[in-house]
PDB file of N, CA and C in Angstrom:
ATOM      1  N   MET A   1       6.231 -11.623  11.122  1.00  0.00           N
ATOM      2  CA  MET A   1       5.591 -12.373  10.063  1.00  0.00           C
ATOM      3  C   MET A   1       5.366 -11.429   8.886  1.00  0.00           C
ATOM      4  N   PRO A   2       5.812 -11.769   7.687  1.00  0.00           N
ATOM      5  CA  PRO A   2       5.638 -10.904   6.524  1.00  0.00           C
ATOM      6  C   PRO A   2       4.195 -10.911   6.044  1.00  0.00           C
ATOM      7  N   ALA A   3       3.861  -9.911   5.227  1.00  0.00           N
ATOM      8  CA  ALA A   3       2.534  -9.882   4.622  1.00  0.00           C
ATOM      9  C   ALA A   3       2.342 -11.169   3.838  1.00  0.00           C
ATOM     10  N   VAL A   4       1.171 -11.709   3.929  1.00  0.00           N
ATOM     11  CA  VAL A   4       0.887 -12.954   3.245  1.00  0.00           C
ATOM     12  C   VAL A   4       0.573 -12.637   1.793  1.00  0.00           C
ATOM     13  N   ARG A   5       1.294 -13.246   0.892  1.00  0.00           N
ATOM     14  CA  ARG A   5       1.032 -13.054  -0.533  1.00  0.00           C
ATOM     15  C   ARG A   5       0.146 -14.192  -0.987  1.00  0.00           C
ATOM     16  N   GLN A   6      -1.100 -13.868  -1.249  1.00  0.00           N
ATOM     17  CA  GLN A   6      -2.041 -14.872  -1.707  1.00  0.00           C
ATOM     18  C   GLN A   6      -2.051 -14.864  -3.223  1.00  0.00           C
ATOM     19  N   THR A   7      -2.101 -16.025  -3.801  1.00  0.00           N
ATOM     20  CA  THR A   7      -2.128 -16.112  -5.251  1.00  0.00           C
ATOM     21  C   THR A   7      -3.449 -16.720  -5.691  1.00  0.00           C
ATOM     22  N   THR A   8      -4.176 -15.968  -6.505  1.00  0.00           N
ATOM     23  CA  THR A   8      -5.371 -16.517  -7.122  1.00  0.00           C
ATOM     24  C   THR A   8      -4.927 -17.082  -8.463  1.00  0.00           C
ATOM     25  N   THR A   9      -5.846 -17.402  -9.296  1.00  0.00           N
ATOM     26  CA  THR A   9      -5.445 -17.949 -10.587  1.00  0.00           C
ATOM     27  C   THR A   9      -4.755 -16.914 -11.451  1.00  0.00           C
ATOM     28  N   LYS A  10      -4.990 -15.616 -11.183  1.00  0.00           N
ATOM     29  CA  LYS A  10      -4.413 -14.604 -12.043  1.00  0.00           C
ATOM     30  C   LYS A  10      -3.487 -13.625 -11.330  1.00  0.00           C
ATOM     31  N   LYS A  11      -3.892 -13.113 -10.163  1.00  0.00           N
ATOM     32  CA  LYS A  11      -3.147 -12.017  -9.554  1.00  0.00           C
ATOM     33  C   LYS A  11      -2.865 -12.276  -8.077  1.00  0.00           C
ATOM     34  N   PRO A  12      -1.679 -11.894  -7.598  1.00  0.00           N
ATOM     35  CA  PRO A  12      -1.380 -12.019  -6.169  1.00  0.00           C
ATOM     36  C   PRO A  12      -2.046 -10.896  -5.387  1.00  0.00           C
ATOM     37  N   SER A  13      -2.135 -11.063  -4.073  1.00  0.00           N
ATOM     38  CA  SER A  13      -2.725 -10.050  -3.210  1.00  0.00           C
ATOM     39  C   SER A  13      -1.948 -10.009  -1.903  1.00  0.00           C
ATOM     40  N   TYR A  14      -1.849  -8.836  -1.305  1.00  0.00           N
ATOM     41  CA  TYR A  14      -1.143  -8.681  -0.035  1.00  0.00           C
ATOM     42  C   TYR A  14      -2.124  -8.323   1.063  1.00  0.00           C
ATOM     43  N   ILE A  15      -1.928  -8.888   2.248  1.00  0.00           N
ATOM     44  CA  ILE A  15      -2.820  -8.679   3.375  1.00  0.00           C
ATOM     45  C   ILE A  15      -2.005  -8.222   4.577  1.00  0.00           C
ATOM     46  N   CYS A  16      -2.542  -7.283   5.352  1.00  0.00           N
ATOM     47  CA  CYS A  16      -1.873  -6.833   6.576  1.00  0.00           C
ATOM     48  C   CYS A  16      -1.839  -7.976   7.581  1.00  0.00           C
ATOM     49  N   THR A  17      -0.664  -8.263   8.085  1.00  0.00           N
ATOM     50  CA  THR A  17      -0.552  -9.308   9.097  1.00  0.00           C
ATOM     51  C   THR A  17       0.144  -8.814  10.353  1.00  0.00           C
ATOM     52  N   LYS A  18       0.654  -7.577  10.326  1.00  0.00           N
ATOM     53  CA  LYS A  18       1.364  -7.043  11.485  1.00  0.00           C
ATOM     54  C   LYS A  18       0.865  -5.651  11.800  1.00  0.00           C
ATOM     55  N   SER A  19       1.045  -5.274  13.062  1.00  0.00           N
ATOM     56  CA  SER A  19       0.776  -3.911  13.495  1.00  0.00           C
ATOM     57  C   SER A  19       1.687  -3.625  14.681  1.00  0.00           C
ATOM     58  N   ASN A  20       1.798  -2.348  15.035  1.00  0.00           N
ATOM     59  CA  ASN A  20       2.540  -1.967  16.232  1.00  0.00           C
ATOM     60  C   ASN A  20       1.870  -0.737  16.817  1.00  0.00           C
ATOM     61  N   LEU A  21       2.512  -0.058  17.742  1.00  0.00           N
ATOM     62  CA  LEU A  21       1.881   1.094  18.385  1.00  0.00           C
ATOM     63  C   LEU A  21       1.612   2.237  17.417  1.00  0.00           C
ATOM     64  N   ASN A  22       2.438   2.379  16.387  1.00  0.00           N
ATOM     65  CA  ASN A  22       2.295   3.496  15.459  1.00  0.00           C
ATOM     66  C   ASN A  22       1.473   3.173  14.218  1.00  0.00           C
ATOM     67  N   TYR A  23       1.477   1.919  13.799  1.00  0.00           N
ATOM     68  CA  TYR A  23       0.807   1.537  12.551  1.00  0.00           C
ATOM     69  C   TYR A  23      -0.109   0.344  12.783  1.00  0.00           C
ATOM     70  N   ASP A  24      -1.342   0.462  12.310  1.00  0.00           N
ATOM     71  CA  ASP A  24      -2.241  -0.677  12.445  1.00  0.00           C
ATOM     72  C   ASP A  24      -2.216  -1.578  11.215  1.00  0.00           C
ATOM     73  N   CYS A  25      -1.383  -1.212  10.236  1.00  0.00           N
ATOM     74  CA  CYS A  25      -1.164  -2.086   9.082  1.00  0.00           C
ATOM     75  C   CYS A  25       0.281  -1.944   8.617  1.00  0.00           C
ATOM     76  N   ILE A  26       1.036  -3.013   8.702  1.00  0.00           N
ATOM     77  CA  ILE A  26       2.411  -3.041   8.206  1.00  0.00           C
ATOM     78  C   ILE A  26       2.466  -4.073   7.084  1.00  0.00           C
ATOM     79  N   LEU A  27       2.723  -3.593   5.880  1.00  0.00           N
ATOM     80  CA  LEU A  27       2.847  -4.478   4.720  1.00  0.00           C
ATOM     81  C   LEU A  27       4.325  -4.742   4.476  1.00  0.00           C
ATOM     82  N   GLN A  28       4.705  -5.995   4.400  1.00  0.00           N
ATOM     83  CA  GLN A  28       6.105  -6.363   4.238  1.00  0.00           C
ATOM     84  C   GLN A  28       6.321  -7.113   2.929  1.00  0.00           C
ATOM     85  N   ASP A  29       7.520  -6.929   2.386  1.00  0.00           N
ATOM     86  CA  ASP A  29       7.957  -7.678   1.206  1.00  0.00           C
ATOM     87  C   ASP A  29       7.027  -7.502  -0.002  1.00  0.00           C
ATOM     88  N   VAL A  30       6.545  -6.284  -0.182  1.00  0.00           N
ATOM     89  CA  VAL A  30       5.676  -5.977  -1.322  1.00  0.00           C
ATOM     90  C   VAL A  30       6.541  -5.498  -2.480  1.00  0.00           C
ATOM     91  N   ARG A  31       6.274  -6.001  -3.664  1.00  0.00           N
ATOM     92  CA  ARG A  31       6.977  -5.572  -4.877  1.00  0.00           C
ATOM     93  C   ARG A  31       5.932  -5.160  -5.899  1.00  0.00           C
ATOM     94  N   LEU A  32       6.083  -3.961  -6.446  1.00  0.00           N
ATOM     95  CA  LEU A  32       5.145  -3.478  -7.451  1.00  0.00           C
ATOM     96  C   LEU A  32       5.905  -2.720  -8.518  1.00  0.00           C
ATOM     97  N   ASN A  33       5.732  -3.152  -9.761  1.00  0.00           N
ATOM     98  CA  ASN A  33       6.315  -2.428 -10.888  1.00  0.00           C
ATOM     99  C   ASN A  33       5.337  -2.487 -12.053  1.00  0.00           C
ATOM    100  N   HIS A  34       5.686  -1.834 -13.141  1.00  0.00           N
ATOM    101  CA  HIS A  34       4.776  -1.756 -14.282  1.00  0.00           C
ATOM    102  C   HIS A  34       4.636  -3.074 -15.037  1.00  0.00           C
ATOM    103  N   ASN A  35       5.479  -4.051 -14.752  1.00  0.00           N
ATOM    104  CA  ASN A  35       5.407  -5.342 -15.433  1.00  0.00           C
ATOM    105  C   ASN A  35       4.569  -6.365 -14.681  1.00  0.00           C
ATOM    106  N   GLU A  36       4.125  -6.005 -13.470  1.00  0.00           N
ATOM    107  CA  GLU A  36       3.329  -6.913 -12.653  1.00  0.00           C
ATOM    108  C   GLU A  36       1.954  -6.308 -12.428  1.00  0.00           C
ATOM    109  N   PRO A  37       0.955  -7.135 -12.153  1.00  0.00           N
ATOM    110  CA  PRO A  37      -0.377  -6.589 -11.907  1.00  0.00           C
ATOM    111  C   PRO A  37      -0.410  -5.775 -10.620  1.00  0.00           C
ATOM    112  N   ASN A  38      -1.218  -4.729 -10.628  1.00  0.00           N
ATOM    113  CA  ASN A  38      -1.425  -3.910  -9.436  1.00  0.00           C
ATOM    114  C   ASN A  38      -2.356  -4.674  -8.509  1.00  0.00           C
ATOM    115  N   VAL A  39      -1.862  -5.110  -7.372  1.00  0.00           N
ATOM    116  CA  VAL A  39      -2.605  -6.009  -6.504  1.00  0.00           C
ATOM    117  C   VAL A  39      -3.419  -5.311  -5.429  1.00  0.00           C
ATOM    118  N   PHE A  40      -3.215  -4.033  -5.233  1.00  0.00           N
ATOM    119  CA  PHE A  40      -3.937  -3.342  -4.169  1.00  0.00           C
ATOM    120  C   PHE A  40      -5.403  -3.178  -4.538  1.00  0.00           C
ATOM    121  N   GLY A  41      -6.258  -3.414  -3.548  1.00  0.00           N
ATOM    122  CA  GLY A  41      -7.682  -3.243  -3.762  1.00  0.00           C
ATOM    123  C   GLY A  41      -8.385  -4.464  -4.308  1.00  0.00           C
ATOM    124  N   LEU A  42      -7.678  -5.536  -4.537  1.00  0.00           N
ATOM    125  CA  LEU A  42      -8.302  -6.743  -5.079  1.00  0.00           C
ATOM    126  C   LEU A  42      -8.738  -7.662  -3.946  1.00  0.00           C
ATOM    127  N   GLY A  43     -10.023  -7.727  -3.703  1.00  0.00           N
ATOM    128  CA  GLY A  43     -10.552  -8.664  -2.727  1.00  0.00           C
ATOM    129  C   GLY A  43     -10.430  -8.237  -1.276  1.00  0.00           C
ATOM    130  N   TRP A  44      -9.944  -7.042  -0.998  1.00  0.00           N
ATOM    131  CA  TRP A  44      -9.856  -6.614   0.403  1.00  0.00           C
ATOM    132  C   TRP A  44     -10.169  -5.137   0.529  1.00  0.00           C
ATOM    133  N   LYS A  45     -11.358  -4.780   0.120  1.00  0.00           N
ATOM    134  CA  LYS A  45     -11.809  -3.394   0.226  1.00  0.00           C
ATOM    135  C   LYS A  45     -12.358  -3.148   1.623  1.00  0.00           C
ATOM    136  N   ASP A  46     -12.560  -1.887   1.918  1.00  0.00           N
ATOM    137  CA  ASP A  46     -13.129  -1.458   3.191  1.00  0.00           C
ATOM    138  C   ASP A  46     -12.292  -1.880   4.390  1.00  0.00           C
ATOM    139  N   ASN A  47     -10.991  -1.836   4.248  1.00  0.00           N
ATOM    140  CA  ASN A  47     -10.118  -2.084   5.384  1.00  0.00           C
ATOM    141  C   ASN A  47     -10.219  -0.899   6.335  1.00  0.00           C
ATOM    142  N   PRO A  48     -10.357  -1.138   7.628  1.00  0.00           N
ATOM    143  CA  PRO A  48     -10.519  -0.037   8.577  1.00  0.00           C
ATOM    144  C   PRO A  48      -9.202   0.602   9.027  1.00  0.00           C
ATOM    145  N   GLN A  49      -8.073   0.078   8.593  1.00  0.00           N
ATOM    146  CA  GLN A  49      -6.789   0.583   9.064  1.00  0.00           C
ATOM    147  C   GLN A  49      -6.599   2.044   8.675  1.00  0.00           C
ATOM    148  N   LYS A  50      -6.070   2.819   9.635  1.00  0.00           N
ATOM    149  CA  LYS A  50      -5.863   4.253   9.407  1.00  0.00           C
ATOM    150  C   LYS A  50      -4.402   4.612   9.215  1.00  0.00           C
ATOM    151  N   ASN A  51      -3.496   3.821   9.754  1.00  0.00           N
ATOM    152  CA  ASN A  51      -2.065   4.113   9.684  1.00  0.00           C
ATOM    153  C   ASN A  51      -1.354   2.957   8.995  1.00  0.00           C
ATOM    154  N   VAL A  52      -0.829   3.228   7.798  1.00  0.00           N
ATOM    155  CA  VAL A  52      -0.266   2.177   6.949  1.00  0.00           C
ATOM    156  C   VAL A  52       1.201   2.471   6.656  1.00  0.00           C
ATOM    157  N   THR A  53       2.030   1.436   6.719  1.00  0.00           N
ATOM    158  CA  THR A  53       3.445   1.565   6.372  1.00  0.00           C
ATOM    159  C   THR A  53       3.905   0.310   5.641  1.00  0.00           C
ATOM    160  N   PHE A  54       5.049   0.416   5.027  1.00  0.00           N
ATOM    161  CA  PHE A  54       5.670  -0.699   4.312  1.00  0.00           C
ATOM    162  C   PHE A  54       7.053  -0.939   4.894  1.00  0.00           C
ATOM    163  N   THR A  55       7.460  -2.202   4.949  1.00  0.00           N
ATOM    164  CA  THR A  55       8.836  -2.536   5.304  1.00  0.00           C
ATOM    165  C   THR A  55       9.357  -3.537   4.281  1.00  0.00           C
ATOM    166  N   ASN A  56      10.642  -3.446   4.015  1.00  0.00           N
ATOM    167  CA  ASN A  56      11.301  -4.351   3.076  1.00  0.00           C
ATOM    168  C   ASN A  56      10.519  -4.471   1.764  1.00  0.00           C
ATOM    169  N   SER A  57      10.114  -3.331   1.228  1.00  0.00           N
ATOM    170  CA  SER A  57       9.263  -3.308   0.043  1.00  0.00           C
ATOM    171  C   SER A  57       9.811  -2.360  -1.008  1.00  0.00           C
ATOM    172  N   ARG A  58       9.333  -2.523  -2.235  1.00  0.00           N
ATOM    173  CA  ARG A  58       9.740  -1.659  -3.352  1.00  0.00           C
ATOM    174  C   ARG A  58       8.532  -1.433  -4.237  1.00  0.00           C
ATOM    175  N   LEU A  59       8.132  -0.170  -4.360  1.00  0.00           N
ATOM    176  CA  LEU A  59       7.038   0.207  -5.242  1.00  0.00           C
ATOM    177  C   LEU A  59       7.596   1.147  -6.291  1.00  0.00           C
ATOM    178  N   GLN A  60       7.584   0.740  -7.525  1.00  0.00           N
ATOM    179  CA  GLN A  60       8.086   1.593  -8.599  1.00  0.00           C
ATOM    180  C   GLN A  60       7.198   2.826  -8.745  1.00  0.00           C
ATOM    181  N   TYR A  61       5.922   2.676  -8.417  1.00  0.00           N
ATOM    182  CA  TYR A  61       5.000   3.806  -8.473  1.00  0.00           C
ATOM    183  C   TYR A  61       3.992   3.693  -7.332  1.00  0.00           C
ATOM    184  N   LEU A  62       3.410   4.824  -6.947  1.00  0.00           N
ATOM    185  CA  LEU A  62       2.378   4.855  -5.916  1.00  0.00           C
ATOM    186  C   LEU A  62       1.031   4.655  -6.611  1.00  0.00           C
ATOM    187  N   PRO A  63       0.367   3.523  -6.366  1.00  0.00           N
ATOM    188  CA  PRO A  63      -0.868   3.222  -7.094  1.00  0.00           C
ATOM    189  C   PRO A  63      -2.105   3.836  -6.440  1.00  0.00           C
ATOM    190  N   LYS A  64      -3.061   4.233  -7.246  1.00  0.00           N
ATOM    191  CA  LYS A  64      -4.299   4.779  -6.698  1.00  0.00           C
ATOM    192  C   LYS A  64      -5.111   3.698  -5.990  1.00  0.00           C
ATOM    193  N   ARG A  65      -4.932   2.460  -6.371  1.00  0.00           N
ATOM    194  CA  ARG A  65      -5.662   1.372  -5.707  1.00  0.00           C
ATOM    195  C   ARG A  65      -5.292   1.219  -4.234  1.00  0.00           C
ATOM    196  N   LEU A  66      -4.150   1.720  -3.848  1.00  0.00           N
ATOM    197  CA  LEU A  66      -3.770   1.654  -2.438  1.00  0.00           C
ATOM    198  C   LEU A  66      -4.792   2.393  -1.587  1.00  0.00           C
ATOM    199  N   PHE A  67      -5.219   3.561  -2.036  1.00  0.00           N
ATOM    200  CA  PHE A  67      -6.189   4.350  -1.278  1.00  0.00           C
ATOM    201  C   PHE A  67      -7.604   3.791  -1.412  1.00  0.00           C
ATOM    202  N   GLU A  68      -7.898   3.118  -2.495  1.00  0.00           N
ATOM    203  CA  GLU A  68      -9.181   2.429  -2.630  1.00  0.00           C
ATOM    204  C   GLU A  68      -9.258   1.271  -1.639  1.00  0.00           C
ATOM    205  N   ALA A  69      -8.142   0.589  -1.440  1.00  0.00           N
ATOM    206  CA  ALA A  69      -8.097  -0.549  -0.525  1.00  0.00           C
ATOM    207  C   ALA A  69      -8.181  -0.124   0.934  1.00  0.00           C
ATOM    208  N   PHE A  70      -7.682   1.069   1.238  1.00  0.00           N
ATOM    209  CA  PHE A  70      -7.690   1.585   2.610  1.00  0.00           C
ATOM    210  C   PHE A  70      -8.426   2.928   2.647  1.00  0.00           C
ATOM    211  N   PRO A  71      -9.753   2.921   2.534  1.00  0.00           N
ATOM    212  CA  PRO A  71     -10.502   4.174   2.450  1.00  0.00           C
ATOM    213  C   PRO A  71     -10.464   5.016   3.720  1.00  0.00           C
ATOM    214  N   GLU A  72     -10.088   4.440   4.848  1.00  0.00           N
ATOM    215  CA  GLU A  72     -10.014   5.181   6.109  1.00  0.00           C
ATOM    216  C   GLU A  72      -8.600   5.659   6.430  1.00  0.00           C
ATOM    217  N   MET A  73      -7.658   5.446   5.521  1.00  0.00           N
ATOM    218  CA  MET A  73      -6.255   5.777   5.781  1.00  0.00           C
ATOM    219  C   MET A  73      -6.074   7.261   6.097  1.00  0.00           C
ATOM    220  N   GLU A  74      -5.407   7.527   7.222  1.00  0.00           N
ATOM    221  CA  GLU A  74      -5.081   8.892   7.629  1.00  0.00           C
ATOM    222  C   GLU A  74      -3.588   9.168   7.519  1.00  0.00           C
ATOM    223  N   LEU A  75      -2.774   8.123   7.663  1.00  0.00           N
ATOM    224  CA  LEU A  75      -1.319   8.264   7.632  1.00  0.00           C
ATOM    225  C   LEU A  75      -0.726   7.185   6.731  1.00  0.00           C
ATOM    226  N   LEU A  76       0.128   7.604   5.810  1.00  0.00           N
ATOM    227  CA  LEU A  76       0.841   6.665   4.939  1.00  0.00           C
ATOM    228  C   LEU A  76       2.324   6.949   5.034  1.00  0.00           C
ATOM    229  N   ASN A  77       3.080   5.950   5.440  1.00  0.00           N
ATOM    230  CA  ASN A  77       4.535   6.051   5.447  1.00  0.00           C
ATOM    231  C   ASN A  77       5.039   5.284   4.231  1.00  0.00           C
ATOM    232  N   ALA A  78       5.495   6.033   3.229  1.00  0.00           N
ATOM    233  CA  ALA A  78       5.988   5.423   1.991  1.00  0.00           C
ATOM    234  C   ALA A  78       7.470   5.725   1.797  1.00  0.00           C
ATOM    235  N   GLU A  79       8.195   5.872   2.901  1.00  0.00           N
ATOM    236  CA  GLU A  79       9.638   6.105   2.822  1.00  0.00           C
ATOM    237  C   GLU A  79      10.348   4.839   2.371  1.00  0.00           C
ATOM    238  N   ASP A  80      11.473   5.026   1.742  1.00  0.00           N
ATOM    239  CA  ASP A  80      12.359   3.925   1.352  1.00  0.00           C
ATOM    240  C   ASP A  80      11.714   2.907   0.414  1.00  0.00           C
ATOM    241  N   LEU A  81      10.698   3.320  -0.333  1.00  0.00           N
ATOM    242  CA  LEU A  81      10.069   2.419  -1.295  1.00  0.00           C
ATOM    243  C   LEU A  81      10.627   2.591  -2.696  1.00  0.00           C
ATOM    244  N   GLN A  82      11.485   3.574  -2.877  1.00  0.00           N
ATOM    245  CA  GLN A  82      12.092   3.862  -4.179  1.00  0.00           C
ATOM    246  C   GLN A  82      11.027   4.171  -5.230  1.00  0.00           C
ATOM    247  N   ILE A  83      10.007   4.924  -4.836  1.00  0.00           N
ATOM    248  CA  ILE A  83       8.935   5.308  -5.752  1.00  0.00           C
ATOM    249  C   ILE A  83       9.489   6.265  -6.795  1.00  0.00           C
ATOM    250  N   GLU A  84       9.258   5.943  -8.049  1.00  0.00           N
ATOM    251  CA  GLU A  84       9.734   6.773  -9.157  1.00  0.00           C
ATOM    252  C   GLU A  84       8.645   7.679  -9.708  1.00  0.00           C
ATOM    253  N   GLU A  85       7.404   7.291  -9.523  1.00  0.00           N
ATOM    254  CA  GLU A  85       6.307   8.113 -10.027  1.00  0.00           C
ATOM    255  C   GLU A  85       5.048   7.866  -9.204  1.00  0.00           C
ATOM    256  N   ILE A  86       4.109   8.786  -9.336  1.00  0.00           N
ATOM    257  CA  ILE A  86       2.816   8.670  -8.677  1.00  0.00           C
ATOM    258  C   ILE A  86       1.774   8.480  -9.772  1.00  0.00           C
ATOM    259  N   GLU A  87       1.003   7.426  -9.650  1.00  0.00           N
ATOM    260  CA  GLU A  87       0.003   7.120 -10.671  1.00  0.00           C
ATOM    261  C   GLU A  87      -1.005   8.264 -10.797  1.00  0.00           C
ATOM    262  N   HIS A  88      -1.458   8.510 -12.017  1.00  0.00           N
ATOM    263  CA  HIS A  88      -2.450   9.552 -12.288  1.00  0.00           C
ATOM    264  C   HIS A  88      -3.660   9.368 -11.371  1.00  0.00           C
ATOM    265  N   GLN A  89      -4.069  10.411 -10.712  1.00  0.00           N
ATOM    266  CA  GLN A  89      -5.185  10.432  -9.767  1.00  0.00           C
ATOM    267  C   GLN A  89      -4.980   9.494  -8.582  1.00  0.00           C
ATOM    268  N   ALA A  90      -3.748   9.302  -8.186  1.00  0.00           N
ATOM    269  CA  ALA A  90      -3.459   8.401  -7.066  1.00  0.00           C
ATOM    270  C   ALA A  90      -4.130   8.848  -5.773  1.00  0.00           C
ATOM    271  N   PHE A  91      -4.283  10.144  -5.578  1.00  0.00           N
ATOM    272  CA  PHE A  91      -4.858  10.641  -4.328  1.00  0.00           C
ATOM    273  C   PHE A  91      -6.365  10.889  -4.431  1.00  0.00           C
ATOM    274  N   ARG A  92      -6.978  10.440  -5.504  1.00  0.00           N
ATOM    275  CA  ARG A  92      -8.413  10.656  -5.709  1.00  0.00           C
ATOM    276  C   ARG A  92      -9.250  10.074  -4.569  1.00  0.00           C
ATOM    277  N   TYR A  93      -8.887   8.904  -4.092  1.00  0.00           N
ATOM    278  CA  TYR A  93      -9.648   8.253  -3.027  1.00  0.00           C
ATOM    279  C   TYR A  93      -9.020   8.443  -1.650  1.00  0.00           C
ATOM    280  N   ALA A  94      -8.086   9.341  -1.546  1.00  0.00           N
ATOM    281  CA  ALA A  94      -7.414   9.601  -0.267  1.00  0.00           C
ATOM    282  C   ALA A  94      -8.166  10.687   0.501  1.00  0.00           C
ATOM    283  N   ARG A  95      -9.443  10.487   0.675  1.00  0.00           N
ATOM    284  CA  ARG A  95     -10.305  11.506   1.284  1.00  0.00           C
ATOM    285  C   ARG A  95     -10.011  11.749   2.757  1.00  0.00           C
ATOM    286  N   THR A  96      -9.538  10.741   3.450  1.00  0.00           N
ATOM    287  CA  THR A  96      -9.279  10.895   4.882  1.00  0.00           C
ATOM    288  C   THR A  96      -7.797  11.064   5.190  1.00  0.00           C
ATOM    289  N   LEU A  97      -6.953  11.046   4.166  1.00  0.00           N
ATOM    290  CA  LEU A  97      -5.505  11.146   4.368  1.00  0.00           C
ATOM    291  C   LEU A  97      -5.141  12.509   4.955  1.00  0.00           C
ATOM    292  N   LYS A  98      -4.437  12.478   6.082  1.00  0.00           N
ATOM    293  CA  LYS A  98      -4.005  13.704   6.747  1.00  0.00           C
ATOM    294  C   LYS A  98      -2.514  13.947   6.564  1.00  0.00           C
ATOM    295  N   ARG A  99      -1.752  12.846   6.468  1.00  0.00           N
ATOM    296  CA  ARG A  99      -0.299  12.987   6.376  1.00  0.00           C
ATOM    297  C   ARG A  99       0.291  11.807   5.617  1.00  0.00           C
ATOM    298  N   TYR A 100       1.267  12.105   4.784  1.00  0.00           N
ATOM    299  CA  TYR A 100       1.997  11.040   4.106  1.00  0.00           C
ATOM    300  C   TYR A 100       3.462  11.423   4.052  1.00  0.00           C
ATOM    301  N   THR A 101       4.305  10.417   4.017  1.00  0.00           N
ATOM    302  CA  THR A 101       5.743  10.627   3.963  1.00  0.00           C
ATOM    303  C   THR A 101       6.287   9.886   2.754  1.00  0.00           C
ATOM    304  N   LEU A 102       6.899  10.641   1.855  1.00  0.00           N
ATOM    305  CA  LEU A 102       7.590  10.072   0.699  1.00  0.00           C
ATOM    306  C   LEU A 102       9.037  10.501   0.788  1.00  0.00           C
ATOM    307  N   LYS A 103       9.904   9.750   0.183  1.00  0.00           N
ATOM    308  CA  LYS A 103      11.319  10.091   0.198  1.00  0.00           C
ATOM    309  C   LYS A 103      11.827  10.071  -1.227  1.00  0.00           C
ATOM    310  N   GLU A 104      12.569  11.095  -1.587  1.00  0.00           N
ATOM    311  CA  GLU A 104      13.141  11.142  -2.928  1.00  0.00           C
ATOM    312  C   GLU A 104      14.181  10.048  -3.093  1.00  0.00           C
ATOM    313  N   ILE A 105      14.295   9.578  -4.338  1.00  0.00           N
ATOM    314  CA  ILE A 105      15.328   8.574  -4.597  1.00  0.00           C
ATOM    315  C   ILE A 105      16.554   9.249  -5.156  1.00  0.00           C
TER     316      ILE A 105
END
């Protein structure tokens, strides 16, 4: 089951709907670029998930709101997202992050 994309009157939001033995949050089919609103952290703060990954997704940049939305995150798998840049102060709220994986494009 893909991440549920909820639409409010203004901005969409993504919610974790899958997990497995390695990740307690799998976000699927997420698209983020500079022409769309940054949806992370809107209406779903204080998520307890520690291991987060993306599948079938594309993030033009790594947003700082991702870490605001998952304040307990210890592991982030951001491979194959085609990230071109990291937002200024993106790791500011990554206080519990122990490991992350990025892949060059």
